[in-house]
Each structure stands twice: as structure tokens, then as C-alpha cells.
N, C-alpha and C. Protein backbone atom coordinates (compact mmCIF):
# COMPACT_ATOMS: atom_id res chain seq x y z
N UNK A 1 116.19 95.28 82.14
CA UNK A 1 116.54 94.13 82.86
C UNK A 1 116.38 92.74 81.80
N UNK A 2 116.99 91.68 82.22
CA UNK A 2 117.12 90.52 81.29
C UNK A 2 115.70 89.76 80.91
N UNK A 3 115.55 88.89 79.75
CA UNK A 3 114.52 88.37 79.70
C UNK A 3 114.75 87.29 80.60
N UNK A 4 115.47 86.70 81.29
CA UNK A 4 115.82 85.34 82.08
C UNK A 4 115.22 85.91 83.27
N UNK A 5 115.46 87.48 83.67
CA UNK A 5 114.95 87.54 85.15
C UNK A 5 113.39 88.22 84.87
N UNK A 6 113.21 88.27 84.28
CA UNK A 6 111.58 88.69 83.89
C UNK A 6 110.95 87.35 84.38
N UNK A 7 111.43 86.41 82.91
CA UNK A 7 110.94 84.93 82.98
C UNK A 7 110.78 84.14 84.71
N UNK A 8 111.53 84.78 85.69
CA UNK A 8 111.92 84.32 86.64
C UNK A 8 110.63 83.74 87.88
N UNK A 9 109.41 85.15 87.39
CA UNK A 9 108.56 85.61 88.45
C UNK A 9 109.24 85.75 89.41
N UNK A 10 109.66 86.56 89.96
CA UNK A 10 110.55 87.17 90.89
C UNK A 10 109.15 88.18 91.82
N UNK A 11 109.07 87.75 93.00
CA UNK A 11 108.06 88.64 93.80
C UNK A 11 108.41 90.20 94.11
N UNK A 12 107.76 90.80 93.64
CA UNK A 12 107.86 92.14 94.27
C UNK A 12 108.06 92.67 95.56
N UNK A 13 108.82 93.46 96.28
CA UNK A 13 108.72 94.19 97.20
C UNK A 13 107.46 95.14 97.53
N UNK A 14 106.98 95.38 98.40
CA UNK A 14 106.11 96.55 98.74
C UNK A 14 106.39 97.05 100.07
N UNK A 15 105.88 98.73 99.80
CA UNK A 15 106.74 99.60 100.89
C UNK A 15 105.30 99.24 102.14
N UNK A 16 105.84 100.06 102.80
CA UNK A 16 104.60 100.38 103.99
C UNK A 16 103.48 100.87 103.76
N UNK A 17 103.39 102.04 103.01
CA UNK A 17 101.92 102.30 102.56
C UNK A 17 101.37 101.48 101.85
N UNK A 18 101.95 100.50 101.06
CA UNK A 18 100.84 99.66 99.89
C UNK A 18 101.05 98.70 100.98
N UNK A 19 101.34 98.01 102.00
CA UNK A 19 101.22 96.92 102.93
C UNK A 19 99.68 97.53 103.66
N UNK A 20 99.82 98.58 104.18
CA UNK A 20 98.97 99.04 104.94
C UNK A 20 97.42 99.44 104.18
N UNK A 21 97.64 99.59 102.84
CA UNK A 21 96.41 99.77 102.08
C UNK A 21 95.81 98.38 101.72
N UNK A 22 96.72 97.23 101.49
CA UNK A 22 96.45 95.85 101.41
C UNK A 22 95.71 95.11 102.56
N UNK A 23 96.31 95.85 103.83
CA UNK A 23 95.45 94.93 104.82
C UNK A 23 94.27 96.04 105.25
N UNK A 24 94.10 97.29 104.77
CA UNK A 24 93.30 97.99 104.73
C UNK A 24 93.43 98.40 106.71
N UNK A 25 94.49 98.54 106.79
CA UNK A 25 94.52 99.43 107.70
C UNK A 25 95.66 100.62 108.19
N UNK A 26 96.03 101.54 109.07
CA UNK A 26 96.68 102.77 109.21
C UNK A 26 98.04 102.06 109.12
N UNK A 27 98.70 103.06 108.36
CA UNK A 27 100.38 103.15 108.63
C UNK A 27 100.86 103.16 110.06
N UNK A 28 100.16 103.68 110.78
CA UNK A 28 100.37 103.71 112.29
C UNK A 28 100.42 102.08 112.69
N UNK A 29 98.94 101.60 112.31
CA UNK A 29 98.86 100.44 112.62
C UNK A 29 100.15 99.14 112.47
N UNK A 30 100.58 99.42 110.78
CA UNK A 30 101.77 98.75 110.61
C UNK A 30 103.19 99.01 111.24
N UNK A 31 103.27 100.37 111.74
CA UNK A 31 104.33 100.80 112.40
C UNK A 31 104.48 100.23 113.58
N UNK A 32 103.28 100.01 114.53
CA UNK A 32 102.93 99.25 115.74
C UNK A 32 103.31 97.63 115.51
N UNK A 33 102.85 97.01 114.52
CA UNK A 33 103.08 95.96 114.55
C UNK A 33 104.47 95.80 114.39
N UNK A 34 105.17 96.32 113.40
CA UNK A 34 106.94 95.99 113.13
C UNK A 34 107.45 96.34 114.74
N UNK A 35 107.13 97.44 115.54
CA UNK A 35 107.83 97.52 116.68
C UNK A 35 107.48 96.85 117.92
N UNK A 36 106.47 95.97 117.55
CA UNK A 36 106.17 94.69 118.41
C UNK A 36 106.58 93.45 118.23
N UNK A 37 107.19 93.58 116.70
CA UNK A 37 107.48 91.95 116.07
C UNK A 37 106.99 91.35 115.69
N UNK A 38 105.59 91.52 115.20
CA UNK A 38 104.49 90.93 115.10
C UNK A 38 104.43 90.63 113.65
N UNK A 39 104.89 91.53 112.87
CA UNK A 39 104.67 91.32 111.01
C UNK A 39 106.52 91.47 110.03
N UNK A 40 105.93 90.38 109.56
CA UNK A 40 107.19 89.75 108.95
C UNK A 40 107.74 91.07 107.73
N UNK A 41 108.74 91.84 108.11
CA UNK A 41 109.40 92.81 107.45
C UNK A 41 110.80 92.78 107.30
N UNK A 42 111.28 93.60 106.42
CA UNK A 42 112.67 93.69 106.10
C UNK A 42 112.90 94.97 105.75
N UNK A 43 114.32 95.31 106.19
CA UNK A 43 114.68 96.86 106.17
C UNK A 43 115.60 97.10 105.06
N UNK A 44 115.44 98.28 104.05
CA UNK A 44 116.07 98.43 103.06
C UNK A 44 116.46 99.97 103.74
N UNK A 45 117.67 100.04 104.40
CA UNK A 45 118.47 101.29 104.91
C UNK A 45 117.14 101.38 105.48
N UNK A 46 116.68 102.76 105.21
CA UNK A 46 115.39 103.46 106.30
C UNK A 46 113.76 102.98 106.18
N UNK A 47 113.95 102.33 105.19
CA UNK A 47 112.66 101.82 104.49
C UNK A 47 112.27 100.70 105.20
N UNK A 48 111.03 100.17 104.88
CA UNK A 48 110.56 98.91 105.72
C UNK A 48 109.98 98.49 104.21
N UNK A 49 110.19 97.40 104.05
CA UNK A 49 109.88 96.43 102.87
C UNK A 49 109.24 95.24 103.00
N UNK A 50 108.05 94.44 102.51
CA UNK A 50 107.60 93.52 102.56
C UNK A 50 107.51 92.59 101.30
N UNK A 51 106.67 91.36 101.40
CA UNK A 51 106.52 90.44 100.68
C UNK A 51 105.01 89.98 101.17
N UNK A 52 104.30 90.33 100.08
CA UNK A 52 102.70 90.30 100.10
C UNK A 52 102.80 88.83 100.53
N UNK A 53 103.38 87.69 99.91
CA UNK A 53 103.21 86.40 100.31
C UNK A 53 103.81 86.08 101.44
N UNK A 54 104.41 86.50 102.30
CA UNK A 54 104.78 86.21 103.66
C UNK A 54 104.10 86.89 104.66
N UNK A 55 103.37 88.07 104.19
CA UNK A 55 102.35 88.93 105.09
C UNK A 55 100.96 87.98 105.03
N UNK A 56 100.60 87.67 104.07
CA UNK A 56 99.31 86.00 103.66
C UNK A 56 99.85 85.22 104.66
N UNK A 57 100.97 84.66 104.65
CA UNK A 57 101.24 83.52 105.34
C UNK A 57 101.22 84.25 106.59
N UNK A 58 101.33 85.36 107.00
CA UNK A 58 101.24 85.66 108.39
C UNK A 58 100.14 85.44 108.99
N UNK A 59 99.12 86.04 108.33
CA UNK A 59 97.53 86.34 108.52
C UNK A 59 96.88 84.70 108.78
N UNK A 60 97.39 84.01 107.78
CA UNK A 60 96.53 82.13 107.54
C UNK A 60 97.33 81.94 109.04
N UNK A 61 98.44 82.44 109.11
CA UNK A 61 98.81 81.61 110.53
C UNK A 61 98.27 82.10 111.62
N UNK A 62 97.24 82.95 111.90
CA UNK A 62 96.74 83.47 112.90
C UNK A 62 97.72 84.49 113.62
N UNK A 63 98.44 84.61 113.34
CA UNK A 63 99.55 85.56 113.95
C UNK A 63 98.96 86.93 114.66
N UNK A 64 97.73 87.18 114.25
CA UNK A 64 97.16 88.45 114.23
C UNK A 64 96.19 88.69 115.27
N UNK A 65 96.20 89.46 116.16
CA UNK A 65 95.18 89.34 117.34
C UNK A 65 93.93 89.81 117.17
N UNK A 66 93.91 90.88 116.31
CA UNK A 66 92.57 91.73 115.92
C UNK A 66 92.55 91.55 114.43
N UNK A 67 92.33 90.16 113.77
CA UNK A 67 92.76 89.71 112.66
C UNK A 67 91.39 89.88 111.79
N UNK A 68 90.28 89.83 112.61
CA UNK A 68 88.88 89.52 111.79
C UNK A 68 88.91 90.59 110.62
N UNK A 69 89.24 91.62 111.10
CA UNK A 69 89.21 93.21 110.51
C UNK A 69 89.92 93.15 109.48
N UNK A 70 90.95 92.59 109.32
CA UNK A 70 92.34 92.58 108.28
C UNK A 70 91.79 91.64 107.46
N UNK A 71 91.78 90.20 108.04
CA UNK A 71 91.56 89.18 107.56
C UNK A 71 90.74 89.34 106.48
N UNK A 72 89.17 89.94 106.78
CA UNK A 72 88.02 90.16 105.92
C UNK A 72 88.56 91.12 104.65
N UNK A 73 89.43 92.29 104.92
CA UNK A 73 89.76 92.93 103.96
C UNK A 73 90.70 92.59 103.09
N UNK A 74 91.80 91.56 103.56
CA UNK A 74 92.70 91.00 102.50
C UNK A 74 92.17 89.65 101.57
N UNK A 75 90.89 88.97 102.35
CA UNK A 75 90.07 88.27 101.66
C UNK A 75 89.30 88.93 100.57
N UNK A 76 88.84 90.18 100.69
CA UNK A 76 88.21 91.09 99.76
C UNK A 76 89.29 91.45 98.54
N UNK A 77 90.27 91.72 98.99
CA UNK A 77 91.57 92.23 98.06
C UNK A 77 91.58 90.84 97.14
N UNK A 78 91.38 89.69 97.85
CA UNK A 78 91.75 88.64 96.62
C UNK A 78 90.64 87.93 95.85
N UNK A 79 89.46 88.60 96.61
CA UNK A 79 88.35 87.95 95.62
C UNK A 79 87.35 86.84 96.43
N UNK A 80 88.11 86.54 97.74
CA UNK A 80 87.46 85.74 98.48
C UNK A 80 86.02 86.06 98.91
N UNK A 81 85.26 84.29 98.61
CA UNK A 81 83.75 84.72 99.07
C UNK A 81 83.52 84.35 100.42
N UNK A 82 84.46 83.91 101.58
CA UNK A 82 84.23 82.64 102.44
C UNK A 82 83.38 83.67 103.27
N UNK A 83 83.64 85.07 103.64
CA UNK A 83 82.78 85.73 104.37
C UNK A 83 81.65 86.15 104.08
């Protein structure tokens, strides 16, 4: 990789397993949210890819119905002391 690319501070893509861990939910829950069109997701061939910043925004906007458990899990992952 070039130095210029590394200095651009490009956000990394994460996979389904990573986003499930990040949100403290099962992979099946993530798949359900994808099928229902609830979760911001991209496809790379047959694989799902996510941007953490977009998932965080989705949570902040309250687009999740059973959000309390997920919100608390995401807050803890970020060291948020509000709860």
C-alpha cells in the first residue's frame, strides 16, 4: 500500500461476524435485519460488508426496534458512560 493511501484514514470494511460481535447480537439477527432492509449493508459478491460509522449512525437515528440491548452493547464497546 502506498503512503498516501495509508494517510487518507480510509474506513475499513467489516464482515457479518464482526458487526454481530460489535452489536452484541447473533449473526442470525444481523441476517434478519438485512433481509428486512433495516441495516445499512453492501454486497461484495456473496459476502456482506458493513461500515461501522454507518451502523453507528443507524443506531443513533433509532432505526432499530429492540435497540436498548444493542444500544447499550454499542455504548459499552465505545466506552460510553451514559447508561
